[in-house]
Amino acid sequence: MQYQCFDDVLKVVRLIKRVRNKLFKHIIKYLDEELFNSSVMEYVENIDQIADIASVNHISANKFINMEIDSSNVSFTVSGDVFCLLEYGNKSDIERGDGWSCYMDFEFKAPVEIKIKKPFGSHMKIGKIDVNIDKFYK
């Protein structure tokens, strides 16, 4: 009897792991695109402090932290890298050699909430993208 109970618990744990892995695959499918859209549509703090003109070229998630799942939402903090173009001076200054531009990547974190509705991932809300620019000063 004890062995049967243990086997049943193991089956439930394995099922939860499979469901969680499927959930991660769906989240990853939509997350990078939604992060980029958020970085274009919303103000991304910090990168504007280090250049005259700063733009996000690409953003990539690589880690999920503090994931919570309930009957209607999945919420977590995502971290990853944001790839930026930093420009000093305007385009004419850069063309004349009086300005300068470079590409840099920085770490970021952002809260994410996804409503559990079909199609999954289409009801994603990304909070403030917090970019760590400390490496710029090193």
C-alpha atoms as a PDB file:
ATOM      1  CA  MET A   1       0.000   0.000   0.000  1.00  0.00           C
ATOM      2  CA  GLN A   2       2.799   2.451   0.879  1.00  0.00           C
ATOM      3  CA  TYR A   3       4.565   1.721  -2.390  1.00  0.00           C
ATOM      4  CA  GLN A   4       1.395   2.386  -4.373  1.00  0.00           C
ATOM      5  CA  CYS A   5       0.951   5.747  -2.617  1.00  0.00           C
ATOM      6  CA  PHE A   6       4.586   6.642  -3.330  1.00  0.00           C
ATOM      7  CA  ASP A   7       4.182   5.673  -6.997  1.00  0.00           C
ATOM      8  CA  ASP A   8       1.037   7.806  -7.276  1.00  0.00           C
ATOM      9  CA  VAL A   9       2.827  10.811  -5.764  1.00  0.00           C
ATOM     10  CA  LEU A  10       5.694  10.333  -8.239  1.00  0.00           C
ATOM     11  CA  LYS A  11       3.210  10.231 -11.131  1.00  0.00           C
ATOM     12  CA  VAL A  12       1.643  13.508  -9.986  1.00  0.00           C
ATOM     13  CA  VAL A  13       5.064  15.158  -9.631  1.00  0.00           C
ATOM     14  CA  ARG A  14       6.055  13.986 -13.128  1.00  0.00           C
ATOM     15  CA  LEU A  15       2.764  15.278 -14.547  1.00  0.00           C
ATOM     16  CA  ILE A  16       3.317  18.667 -12.914  1.00  0.00           C
ATOM     17  CA  LYS A  17       6.832  18.778 -14.371  1.00  0.00           C
ATOM     18  CA  ARG A  18       5.534  17.961 -17.890  1.00  0.00           C
ATOM     19  CA  VAL A  19       2.804  20.612 -17.646  1.00  0.00           C
ATOM     20  CA  ARG A  20       5.330  23.156 -16.358  1.00  0.00           C
ATOM     21  CA  ASN A  21       7.745  22.364 -19.237  1.00  0.00           C
ATOM     22  CA  LYS A  22       4.944  22.795 -21.795  1.00  0.00           C
ATOM     23  CA  LEU A  23       4.035  26.066 -20.134  1.00  0.00           C
ATOM     24  CA  PHE A  24       7.646  27.287 -20.392  1.00  0.00           C
ATOM     25  CA  LYS A  25       7.758  26.409 -24.097  1.00  0.00           C
ATOM     26  CA  HIS A  26       4.620  28.463 -24.757  1.00  0.00           C
ATOM     27  CA  ILE A  27       5.907  31.373 -22.683  1.00  0.00           C
ATOM     28  CA  ILE A  28       9.265  31.412 -24.474  1.00  0.00           C
ATOM     29  CA  LYS A  29       7.481  31.373 -27.842  1.00  0.00           C
ATOM     30  CA  TYR A  30       5.843  34.746 -27.140  1.00  0.00           C
ATOM     31  CA  LEU A  31       8.090  36.353 -24.528  1.00  0.00           C
ATOM     32  CA  ASP A  32      11.018  37.736 -26.570  1.00  0.00           C
ATOM     33  CA  GLU A  33       8.648  39.333 -29.083  1.00  0.00           C
ATOM     34  CA  GLU A  34       6.494  40.866 -26.337  1.00  0.00           C
ATOM     35  CA  LEU A  35       9.584  42.126 -24.490  1.00  0.00           C
ATOM     36  CA  PHE A  36      10.821  43.828 -27.649  1.00  0.00           C
ATOM     37  CA  ASN A  37       7.397  45.357 -28.312  1.00  0.00           C
ATOM     38  CA  SER A  38       7.330  46.631 -24.728  1.00  0.00           C
ATOM     39  CA  SER A  39      10.815  48.095 -25.043  1.00  0.00           C
ATOM     40  CA  VAL A  40       9.791  49.953 -28.211  1.00  0.00           C
ATOM     41  CA  MET A  41       6.403  51.146 -26.971  1.00  0.00           C
ATOM     42  CA  GLU A  42       7.319  51.886 -23.369  1.00  0.00           C
ATOM     43  CA  TYR A  43      10.072  53.985 -21.888  1.00  0.00           C
ATOM     44  CA  VAL A  44      13.068  51.816 -20.903  1.00  0.00           C
ATOM     45  CA  GLU A  45      14.764  53.433 -17.942  1.00  0.00           C
ATOM     46  CA  ASN A  46      18.515  53.866 -17.594  1.00  0.00           C
ATOM     47  CA  ILE A  47      19.746  53.452 -21.180  1.00  0.00           C
ATOM     48  CA  ASP A  48      18.766  57.026 -21.987  1.00  0.00           C
ATOM     49  CA  GLN A  49      21.102  58.180 -19.202  1.00  0.00           C
ATOM     50  CA  ILE A  50      24.239  56.917 -20.947  1.00  0.00           C
ATOM     51  CA  ALA A  51      23.808  58.232 -24.508  1.00  0.00           C
ATOM     52  CA  ASP A  52      22.323  61.141 -26.433  1.00  0.00           C
ATOM     53  CA  ILE A  53      20.252  58.643 -28.406  1.00  0.00           C
ATOM     54  CA  ALA A  54      19.760  55.082 -27.174  1.00  0.00           C
ATOM     55  CA  SER A  55      17.645  52.450 -28.854  1.00  0.00           C
ATOM     56  CA  VAL A  56      16.884  48.802 -28.149  1.00  0.00           C
ATOM     57  CA  ASN A  57      17.782  46.548 -31.077  1.00  0.00           C
ATOM     58  CA  HIS A  58      16.993  43.185 -29.486  1.00  0.00           C
ATOM     59  CA  ILE A  59      15.940  41.797 -26.134  1.00  0.00           C
ATOM     60  CA  SER A  60      16.317  38.198 -25.070  1.00  0.00           C
ATOM     61  CA  ALA A  61      14.990  36.406 -22.003  1.00  0.00           C
ATOM     62  CA  ASN A  62      17.110  33.701 -20.431  1.00  0.00           C
ATOM     63  CA  LYS A  63      15.836  33.123 -16.894  1.00  0.00           C
ATOM     64  CA  PHE A  64      12.520  32.952 -15.030  1.00  0.00           C
ATOM     65  CA  ILE A  65      12.498  33.840 -11.327  1.00  0.00           C
ATOM     66  CA  ASN A  66       9.772  33.452  -8.677  1.00  0.00           C
ATOM     67  CA  MET A  67       7.199  31.793 -10.923  1.00  0.00           C
ATOM     68  CA  GLU A  68       3.737  31.537  -9.422  1.00  0.00           C
ATOM     69  CA  ILE A  69       0.858  29.730 -11.065  1.00  0.00           C
ATOM     70  CA  ASP A  70      -2.754  29.882  -9.949  1.00  0.00           C
ATOM     71  CA  SER A  71      -6.049  29.094 -11.623  1.00  0.00           C
ATOM     72  CA  SER A  72      -6.133  32.286 -13.710  1.00  0.00           C
ATOM     73  CA  ASN A  73      -2.570  33.695 -13.967  1.00  0.00           C
ATOM     74  CA  VAL A  74       1.070  32.843 -14.378  1.00  0.00           C
ATOM     75  CA  SER A  75       3.387  35.483 -12.943  1.00  0.00           C
ATOM     76  CA  PHE A  76       7.163  35.647 -12.715  1.00  0.00           C
ATOM     77  CA  THR A  77      10.156  37.899 -13.110  1.00  0.00           C
ATOM     78  CA  VAL A  78      12.120  37.456 -16.306  1.00  0.00           C
ATOM     79  CA  SER A  79      15.769  38.358 -16.693  1.00  0.00           C
ATOM     80  CA  GLY A  80      17.984  38.421 -19.743  1.00  0.00           C
ATOM     81  CA  ASP A  81      19.935  40.722 -22.016  1.00  0.00           C
ATOM     82  CA  VAL A  82      18.944  43.868 -23.860  1.00  0.00           C
ATOM     83  CA  PHE A  83      21.073  44.819 -26.883  1.00  0.00           C
ATOM     84  CA  CYS A  84      21.283  48.559 -27.497  1.00  0.00           C
ATOM     85  CA  LEU A  85      22.658  51.055 -29.984  1.00  0.00           C
ATOM     86  CA  LEU A  86      24.161  54.031 -28.169  1.00  0.00           C
ATOM     87  CA  GLU A  87      24.757  57.199 -30.185  1.00  0.00           C
ATOM     88  CA  TYR A  88      26.646  60.318 -29.145  1.00  0.00           C
ATOM     89  CA  GLY A  89      25.823  63.220 -31.425  1.00  0.00           C
ATOM     90  CA  ASN A  90      23.313  63.167 -34.238  1.00  0.00           C
ATOM     91  CA  LYS A  91      23.623  61.196 -37.494  1.00  0.00           C
ATOM     92  CA  SER A  92      25.402  64.093 -39.231  1.00  0.00           C
ATOM     93  CA  ASP A  93      27.917  64.377 -36.369  1.00  0.00           C
ATOM     94  CA  ILE A  94      28.634  60.655 -36.567  1.00  0.00           C
ATOM     95  CA  GLU A  95      29.069  60.782 -40.370  1.00  0.00           C
ATOM     96  CA  ARG A  96      31.503  63.719 -40.036  1.00  0.00           C
ATOM     97  CA  GLY A  97      33.446  61.952 -37.303  1.00  0.00           C
ATOM     98  CA  ASP A  98      32.339  64.388 -34.608  1.00  0.00           C
ATOM     99  CA  GLY A  99      30.028  61.835 -32.998  1.00  0.00           C
ATOM    100  CA  TRP A 100      30.292  58.199 -32.070  1.00  0.00           C
ATOM    101  CA  SER A 101      28.074  55.143 -31.842  1.00  0.00           C
ATOM    102  CA  CYS A 102      28.476  51.690 -30.339  1.00  0.00           C
ATOM    103  CA  TYR A 103      26.499  48.562 -29.530  1.00  0.00           C
ATOM    104  CA  MET A 104      26.316  47.295 -25.964  1.00  0.00           C
ATOM    105  CA  ASP A 105      24.299  44.708 -24.142  1.00  0.00           C
ATOM    106  CA  PHE A 106      23.012  45.016 -20.594  1.00  0.00           C
ATOM    107  CA  GLU A 107      21.186  42.774 -18.151  1.00  0.00           C
ATOM    108  CA  PHE A 108      17.528  43.451 -17.419  1.00  0.00           C
ATOM    109  CA  LYS A 109      14.680  42.261 -15.224  1.00  0.00           C
ATOM    110  CA  ALA A 110      10.959  42.712 -15.727  1.00  0.00           C
ATOM    111  CA  PRO A 111       7.787  41.400 -14.073  1.00  0.00           C
ATOM    112  CA  VAL A 112       5.484  39.406 -16.336  1.00  0.00           C
ATOM    113  CA  GLU A 113       1.890  38.329 -15.873  1.00  0.00           C
ATOM    114  CA  ILE A 114       0.037  36.037 -18.250  1.00  0.00           C
ATOM    115  CA  LYS A 115      -3.687  35.389 -18.066  1.00  0.00           C
ATOM    116  CA  ILE A 116      -4.549  31.745 -18.527  1.00  0.00           C
ATOM    117  CA  LYS A 117      -6.842  32.138 -21.541  1.00  0.00           C
ATOM    118  CA  LYS A 118      -6.807  30.703 -25.023  1.00  0.00           C
ATOM    119  CA  PRO A 119      -4.661  31.213 -26.969  1.00  0.00           C
ATOM    120  CA  PHE A 120      -2.154  31.024 -24.152  1.00  0.00           C
ATOM    121  CA  GLY A 121       0.448  33.781 -24.276  1.00  0.00           C
ATOM    122  CA  SER A 122      -1.722  36.291 -26.089  1.00  0.00           C
ATOM    123  CA  HIS A 123      -2.780  37.925 -22.800  1.00  0.00           C
ATOM    124  CA  MET A 124       0.703  38.832 -21.566  1.00  0.00           C
ATOM    125  CA  LYS A 125       1.431  41.963 -19.545  1.00  0.00           C
ATOM    126  CA  ILE A 126       5.042  43.059 -19.075  1.00  0.00           C
ATOM    127  CA  GLY A 127       5.865  45.526 -16.321  1.00  0.00           C
ATOM    128  CA  LYS A 128       8.680  48.065 -16.182  1.00  0.00           C
ATOM    129  CA  ILE A 129      11.858  46.773 -17.844  1.00  0.00           C
ATOM    130  CA  ASP A 130      14.683  47.561 -15.427  1.00  0.00           C
ATOM    131  CA  VAL A 131      18.041  47.707 -17.261  1.00  0.00           C
ATOM    132  CA  ASN A 132      21.250  47.456 -15.234  1.00  0.00           C
ATOM    133  CA  ILE A 133      23.792  49.830 -16.865  1.00  0.00           C
ATOM    134  CA  ASP A 134      26.576  49.323 -14.280  1.00  0.00           C
ATOM    135  CA  LYS A 135      28.798  47.599 -16.848  1.00  0.00           C
ATOM    136  CA  PHE A 136      28.823  50.794 -18.932  1.00  0.00           C
ATOM    137  CA  TYR A 137      30.863  52.522 -16.249  1.00  0.00           C
ATOM    138  CA  LYS A 138      33.488  49.788 -15.961  1.00  0.00           C
END
